[in-house]
Amino acid sequence: MWRDAINDWFHRLSGIPDAAGRVGNHPHRFEAESMALEGYIPVDVTPWEDASGGRAVECAAPARSCTAKSRFAGKPGRYEIDVQYFDQNNGVSRYRVFVGQRLVDDWLADASLPATEANGDSSTRRAIRGILLSPGDELRIEGFPDGEERAPLDYLELHAD
């Protein structure tokens, strides 16, 4: 993850082409703003390097819950699903991840981090290991905002487990 962020940051600042094709090439990443959204809206993150592509999604007020979903198109197998989200200190959002109708994880964003907005101080990753996926499976994350924390979400990324 950090190598990807450094490559993207350097390319954006320098303008030097990436001959190896690493910049912006994340074949197993589902950017939240590119997923099918219900209640979530895309937002800019400042500074831009604190979110993948400089954008994330958050629940539009006064939404009580939001959903982001996409279809898995990879090879069948066991995967780790990484959820990159923002855990602010001005609320305790709840997240639930589903594969099809099966709940695979559920947690509260309740860490003690020093940020009241989506940025590098609140960027957090949740790893969900050992998830069996087949082509066509729906990946769905539900966010439940709390207080001023609007269940912000950056992306989902899959890794062979």
C-alpha atoms as a PDB file:
ATOM      1  CA  MET A   1       0.000   0.000   0.000  1.00  0.00           C
ATOM      2  CA  TRP A   2       2.635   2.562   1.011  1.00  0.00           C
ATOM      3  CA  ARG A   3       4.771   1.805  -2.057  1.00  0.00           C
ATOM      4  CA  ASP A   4       1.716   2.514  -4.240  1.00  0.00           C
ATOM      5  CA  ALA A   5       1.111   5.812  -2.445  1.00  0.00           C
ATOM      6  CA  ILE A   6       4.754   6.871  -2.827  1.00  0.00           C
ATOM      7  CA  ASN A   7       4.750   6.015  -6.535  1.00  0.00           C
ATOM      8  CA  ASP A   8       1.525   7.970  -7.094  1.00  0.00           C
ATOM      9  CA  TRP A   9       2.776  10.937  -5.039  1.00  0.00           C
ATOM     10  CA  PHE A  10       6.120  11.109  -6.849  1.00  0.00           C
ATOM     11  CA  HIS A  11       4.486  10.836 -10.273  1.00  0.00           C
ATOM     12  CA  ARG A  12       1.955  13.573  -9.520  1.00  0.00           C
ATOM     13  CA  LEU A  13       4.634  15.967  -8.248  1.00  0.00           C
ATOM     14  CA  SER A  14       7.352  15.211 -10.795  1.00  0.00           C
ATOM     15  CA  GLY A  15       5.361  14.473 -13.950  1.00  0.00           C
ATOM     16  CA  ILE A  16       7.994  11.848 -14.808  1.00  0.00           C
ATOM     17  CA  PRO A  17       6.411   8.898 -16.654  1.00  0.00           C
ATOM     18  CA  ASP A  18       6.392   5.523 -14.911  1.00  0.00           C
ATOM     19  CA  ALA A  19       8.060   3.180 -17.418  1.00  0.00           C
ATOM     20  CA  ALA A  20       7.233   0.146 -15.235  1.00  0.00           C
ATOM     21  CA  GLY A  21       3.479   0.896 -15.243  1.00  0.00           C
ATOM     22  CA  ARG A  22       3.088   1.027 -11.455  1.00  0.00           C
ATOM     23  CA  VAL A  23       1.400   4.415 -11.065  1.00  0.00           C
ATOM     24  CA  GLY A  24      -2.358   4.132 -10.854  1.00  0.00           C
ATOM     25  CA  ASN A  25      -2.214   0.401 -11.566  1.00  0.00           C
ATOM     26  CA  HIS A  26      -4.134  -1.330  -8.796  1.00  0.00           C
ATOM     27  CA  PRO A  27      -5.898  -4.248 -10.504  1.00  0.00           C
ATOM     28  CA  HIS A  28      -7.462  -5.680  -7.342  1.00  0.00           C
ATOM     29  CA  ARG A  29      -8.621  -2.385  -5.848  1.00  0.00           C
ATOM     30  CA  PHE A  30     -12.206  -1.151  -5.818  1.00  0.00           C
ATOM     31  CA  GLU A  31     -12.137   2.632  -5.380  1.00  0.00           C
ATOM     32  CA  ALA A  32     -15.126   3.561  -3.233  1.00  0.00           C
ATOM     33  CA  GLU A  33     -16.097   6.463  -5.494  1.00  0.00           C
ATOM     34  CA  SER A  34     -16.229   4.046  -8.481  1.00  0.00           C
ATOM     35  CA  MET A  35     -18.450   1.491  -6.762  1.00  0.00           C
ATOM     36  CA  ALA A  36     -22.256   1.440  -6.959  1.00  0.00           C
ATOM     37  CA  LEU A  37     -23.226   3.865  -4.189  1.00  0.00           C
ATOM     38  CA  GLU A  38     -26.404   4.231  -2.148  1.00  0.00           C
ATOM     39  CA  GLY A  39     -26.328   7.174   0.256  1.00  0.00           C
ATOM     40  CA  TYR A  40     -22.577   7.648  -0.129  1.00  0.00           C
ATOM     41  CA  ILE A  41     -21.264  10.695  -2.001  1.00  0.00           C
ATOM     42  CA  PRO A  42     -17.733  11.255  -3.371  1.00  0.00           C
ATOM     43  CA  VAL A  43     -15.644  13.848  -1.526  1.00  0.00           C
ATOM     44  CA  ASP A  44     -12.198  15.336  -2.026  1.00  0.00           C
ATOM     45  CA  VAL A  45      -9.604  14.522   0.630  1.00  0.00           C
ATOM     46  CA  THR A  46      -7.061  17.188   1.551  1.00  0.00           C
ATOM     47  CA  PRO A  47      -4.206  16.806   1.067  1.00  0.00           C
ATOM     48  CA  TRP A  48      -4.877  14.635  -1.983  1.00  0.00           C
ATOM     49  CA  GLU A  49      -2.153  12.098  -1.134  1.00  0.00           C
ATOM     50  CA  ASP A  50      -4.037  11.050   2.022  1.00  0.00           C
ATOM     51  CA  ALA A  51      -6.590   9.097  -0.052  1.00  0.00           C
ATOM     52  CA  SER A  52      -6.273   6.864  -3.060  1.00  0.00           C
ATOM     53  CA  GLY A  53      -6.790   9.144  -6.052  1.00  0.00           C
ATOM     54  CA  GLY A  54      -7.358  12.070  -3.682  1.00  0.00           C
ATOM     55  CA  ARG A  55     -11.011  11.069  -3.175  1.00  0.00           C
ATOM     56  CA  ALA A  56     -13.147   9.032  -0.831  1.00  0.00           C
ATOM     57  CA  VAL A  57     -16.864   8.662  -0.099  1.00  0.00           C
ATOM     58  CA  GLU A  58     -18.897   9.564   2.963  1.00  0.00           C
ATOM     59  CA  CYS A  59     -22.550   9.281   3.898  1.00  0.00           C
ATOM     60  CA  ALA A  60     -24.562  12.291   2.842  1.00  0.00           C
ATOM     61  CA  ALA A  61     -26.312  13.900   5.801  1.00  0.00           C
ATOM     62  CA  PRO A  62     -28.803  12.933   7.149  1.00  0.00           C
ATOM     63  CA  ALA A  63     -28.325   9.340   5.886  1.00  0.00           C
ATOM     64  CA  ARG A  64     -28.563   6.707   8.616  1.00  0.00           C
ATOM     65  CA  SER A  65     -26.629   4.187   6.521  1.00  0.00           C
ATOM     66  CA  CYS A  66     -24.835   3.972   3.197  1.00  0.00           C
ATOM     67  CA  THR A  67     -23.767   1.193   0.865  1.00  0.00           C
ATOM     68  CA  ALA A  68     -20.953   0.708  -1.644  1.00  0.00           C
ATOM     69  CA  LYS A  69     -20.907  -2.440  -3.768  1.00  0.00           C
ATOM     70  CA  SER A  70     -19.125  -4.057  -6.669  1.00  0.00           C
ATOM     71  CA  ARG A  71     -18.771  -7.460  -8.343  1.00  0.00           C
ATOM     72  CA  PHE A  72     -15.732  -9.685  -8.006  1.00  0.00           C
ATOM     73  CA  ALA A  73     -14.337 -10.674 -11.413  1.00  0.00           C
ATOM     74  CA  GLY A  74     -11.134 -12.474 -10.403  1.00  0.00           C
ATOM     75  CA  LYS A  75     -10.168 -16.113 -10.077  1.00  0.00           C
ATOM     76  CA  PRO A  76     -11.981 -18.210  -7.484  1.00  0.00           C
ATOM     77  CA  GLY A  77     -10.074 -18.687  -4.259  1.00  0.00           C
ATOM     78  CA  ARG A  78      -9.356 -17.529  -0.743  1.00  0.00           C
ATOM     79  CA  TYR A  79      -8.680 -13.791  -0.375  1.00  0.00           C
ATOM     80  CA  GLU A  80      -7.891 -11.130   2.183  1.00  0.00           C
ATOM     81  CA  ILE A  81     -10.198  -8.136   1.819  1.00  0.00           C
ATOM     82  CA  ASP A  82      -8.566  -4.918   2.980  1.00  0.00           C
ATOM     83  CA  VAL A  83     -10.896  -2.023   3.741  1.00  0.00           C
ATOM     84  CA  GLN A  84      -9.239   1.402   3.745  1.00  0.00           C
ATOM     85  CA  TYR A  85     -11.415   3.851   5.657  1.00  0.00           C
ATOM     86  CA  PHE A  86     -11.102   6.919   7.886  1.00  0.00           C
ATOM     87  CA  ASP A  87     -11.570   6.717  11.659  1.00  0.00           C
ATOM     88  CA  GLN A  88     -12.117  10.213  13.001  1.00  0.00           C
ATOM     89  CA  ASN A  89     -12.355  11.215  16.664  1.00  0.00           C
ATOM     90  CA  ASN A  90     -15.699  13.040  16.321  1.00  0.00           C
ATOM     91  CA  GLY A  91     -17.914   9.968  16.011  1.00  0.00           C
ATOM     92  CA  VAL A  92     -17.925   6.180  16.045  1.00  0.00           C
ATOM     93  CA  SER A  93     -19.076   4.893  12.670  1.00  0.00           C
ATOM     94  CA  ARG A  94     -19.927   1.234  12.162  1.00  0.00           C
ATOM     95  CA  TYR A  95     -18.975  -0.830   9.120  1.00  0.00           C
ATOM     96  CA  ARG A  96     -20.254  -4.194   7.866  1.00  0.00           C
ATOM     97  CA  VAL A  97     -18.791  -6.158   4.951  1.00  0.00           C
ATOM     98  CA  PHE A  98     -20.772  -8.755   3.017  1.00  0.00           C
ATOM     99  CA  VAL A  99     -19.974 -11.251   0.285  1.00  0.00           C
ATOM    100  CA  GLY A 100     -23.358 -11.818  -1.305  1.00  0.00           C
ATOM    101  CA  GLN A 101     -25.737 -12.125   1.660  1.00  0.00           C
ATOM    102  CA  ARG A 102     -23.023 -13.455   4.004  1.00  0.00           C
ATOM    103  CA  LEU A 103     -21.729 -11.062   6.661  1.00  0.00           C
ATOM    104  CA  VAL A 104     -17.919 -11.486   6.793  1.00  0.00           C
ATOM    105  CA  ASP A 105     -16.979  -8.675   9.198  1.00  0.00           C
ATOM    106  CA  ASP A 106     -18.504  -5.982  11.405  1.00  0.00           C
ATOM    107  CA  TRP A 107     -16.632  -3.352  13.458  1.00  0.00           C
ATOM    108  CA  LEU A 108     -16.731   0.078  15.038  1.00  0.00           C
ATOM    109  CA  ALA A 109     -14.388   2.894  13.991  1.00  0.00           C
ATOM    110  CA  ASP A 110     -13.499   3.776  17.560  1.00  0.00           C
ATOM    111  CA  ALA A 111      -9.713   4.208  17.617  1.00  0.00           C
ATOM    112  CA  SER A 112      -8.257   7.235  19.386  1.00  0.00           C
ATOM    113  CA  LEU A 113      -6.804   9.076  16.396  1.00  0.00           C
ATOM    114  CA  PRO A 114      -6.060  12.839  16.259  1.00  0.00           C
ATOM    115  CA  ALA A 115      -8.310  13.821  13.342  1.00  0.00           C
ATOM    116  CA  THR A 116     -11.783  15.296  12.898  1.00  0.00           C
ATOM    117  CA  GLU A 117     -11.800  14.799   9.122  1.00  0.00           C
ATOM    118  CA  ALA A 118     -10.748  12.270   6.493  1.00  0.00           C
ATOM    119  CA  ASN A 119      -6.973  12.625   6.069  1.00  0.00           C
ATOM    120  CA  GLY A 120      -3.691  10.852   6.797  1.00  0.00           C
ATOM    121  CA  ASP A 121      -4.223  11.132  10.559  1.00  0.00           C
ATOM    122  CA  SER A 122      -7.463   9.136  10.347  1.00  0.00           C
ATOM    123  CA  SER A 123      -6.674   6.742   7.469  1.00  0.00           C
ATOM    124  CA  THR A 124      -7.096   3.194   8.763  1.00  0.00           C
ATOM    125  CA  ARG A 125      -7.054  -0.318   7.297  1.00  0.00           C
ATOM    126  CA  ARG A 126      -9.133  -3.330   8.295  1.00  0.00           C
ATOM    127  CA  ALA A 127      -7.921  -6.751   7.074  1.00  0.00           C
ATOM    128  CA  ILE A 128     -10.517  -9.499   6.664  1.00  0.00           C
ATOM    129  CA  ARG A 129      -8.720 -12.795   6.045  1.00  0.00           C
ATOM    130  CA  GLY A 130      -9.737 -16.158   4.636  1.00  0.00           C
ATOM    131  CA  ILE A 131     -12.682 -15.071   2.494  1.00  0.00           C
ATOM    132  CA  LEU A 132     -13.707 -17.465  -0.293  1.00  0.00           C
ATOM    133  CA  LEU A 133     -14.635 -15.591  -3.470  1.00  0.00           C
ATOM    134  CA  SER A 134     -16.006 -16.727  -6.807  1.00  0.00           C
ATOM    135  CA  PRO A 135     -16.442 -14.698 -10.006  1.00  0.00           C
ATOM    136  CA  GLY A 136     -19.678 -12.710  -9.837  1.00  0.00           C
ATOM    137  CA  ASP A 137     -19.798 -12.489  -6.032  1.00  0.00           C
ATOM    138  CA  GLU A 138     -21.102  -9.146  -4.829  1.00  0.00           C
ATOM    139  CA  LEU A 139     -18.796  -7.313  -2.410  1.00  0.00           C
ATOM    140  CA  ARG A 140     -20.768  -4.875  -0.271  1.00  0.00           C
ATOM    141  CA  ILE A 141     -19.773  -2.569   2.531  1.00  0.00           C
ATOM    142  CA  GLU A 142     -22.324  -0.791   4.654  1.00  0.00           C
ATOM    143  CA  GLY A 143     -21.412   2.296   6.644  1.00  0.00           C
ATOM    144  CA  PHE A 144     -23.391   3.713   9.551  1.00  0.00           C
ATOM    145  CA  PRO A 145     -22.345   7.287  10.429  1.00  0.00           C
ATOM    146  CA  ASP A 146     -22.204   8.626  13.959  1.00  0.00           C
ATOM    147  CA  GLY A 147     -21.853  12.229  15.089  1.00  0.00           C
ATOM    148  CA  GLU A 148     -19.727  14.193  12.642  1.00  0.00           C
ATOM    149  CA  GLU A 149     -18.022  11.030  11.361  1.00  0.00           C
ATOM    150  CA  ARG A 150     -19.889  10.157   8.144  1.00  0.00           C
ATOM    151  CA  ALA A 151     -18.589   6.540   7.759  1.00  0.00           C
ATOM    152  CA  PRO A 152     -15.880   7.636   5.269  1.00  0.00           C
ATOM    153  CA  LEU A 153     -14.469   4.978   2.965  1.00  0.00           C
ATOM    154  CA  ASP A 154     -11.456   5.054   0.601  1.00  0.00           C
ATOM    155  CA  TYR A 155     -11.317   1.629  -1.104  1.00  0.00           C
ATOM    156  CA  LEU A 156     -11.486  -2.163  -0.883  1.00  0.00           C
ATOM    157  CA  GLU A 157      -8.482  -4.172  -2.036  1.00  0.00           C
ATOM    158  CA  LEU A 158      -8.132  -7.924  -2.515  1.00  0.00           C
ATOM    159  CA  HIS A 159      -5.031 -10.061  -1.962  1.00  0.00           C
ATOM    160  CA  ALA A 160      -4.669 -13.819  -2.420  1.00  0.00           C
ATOM    161  CA  ASP A 161      -4.712 -15.305   1.082  1.00  0.00           C
END
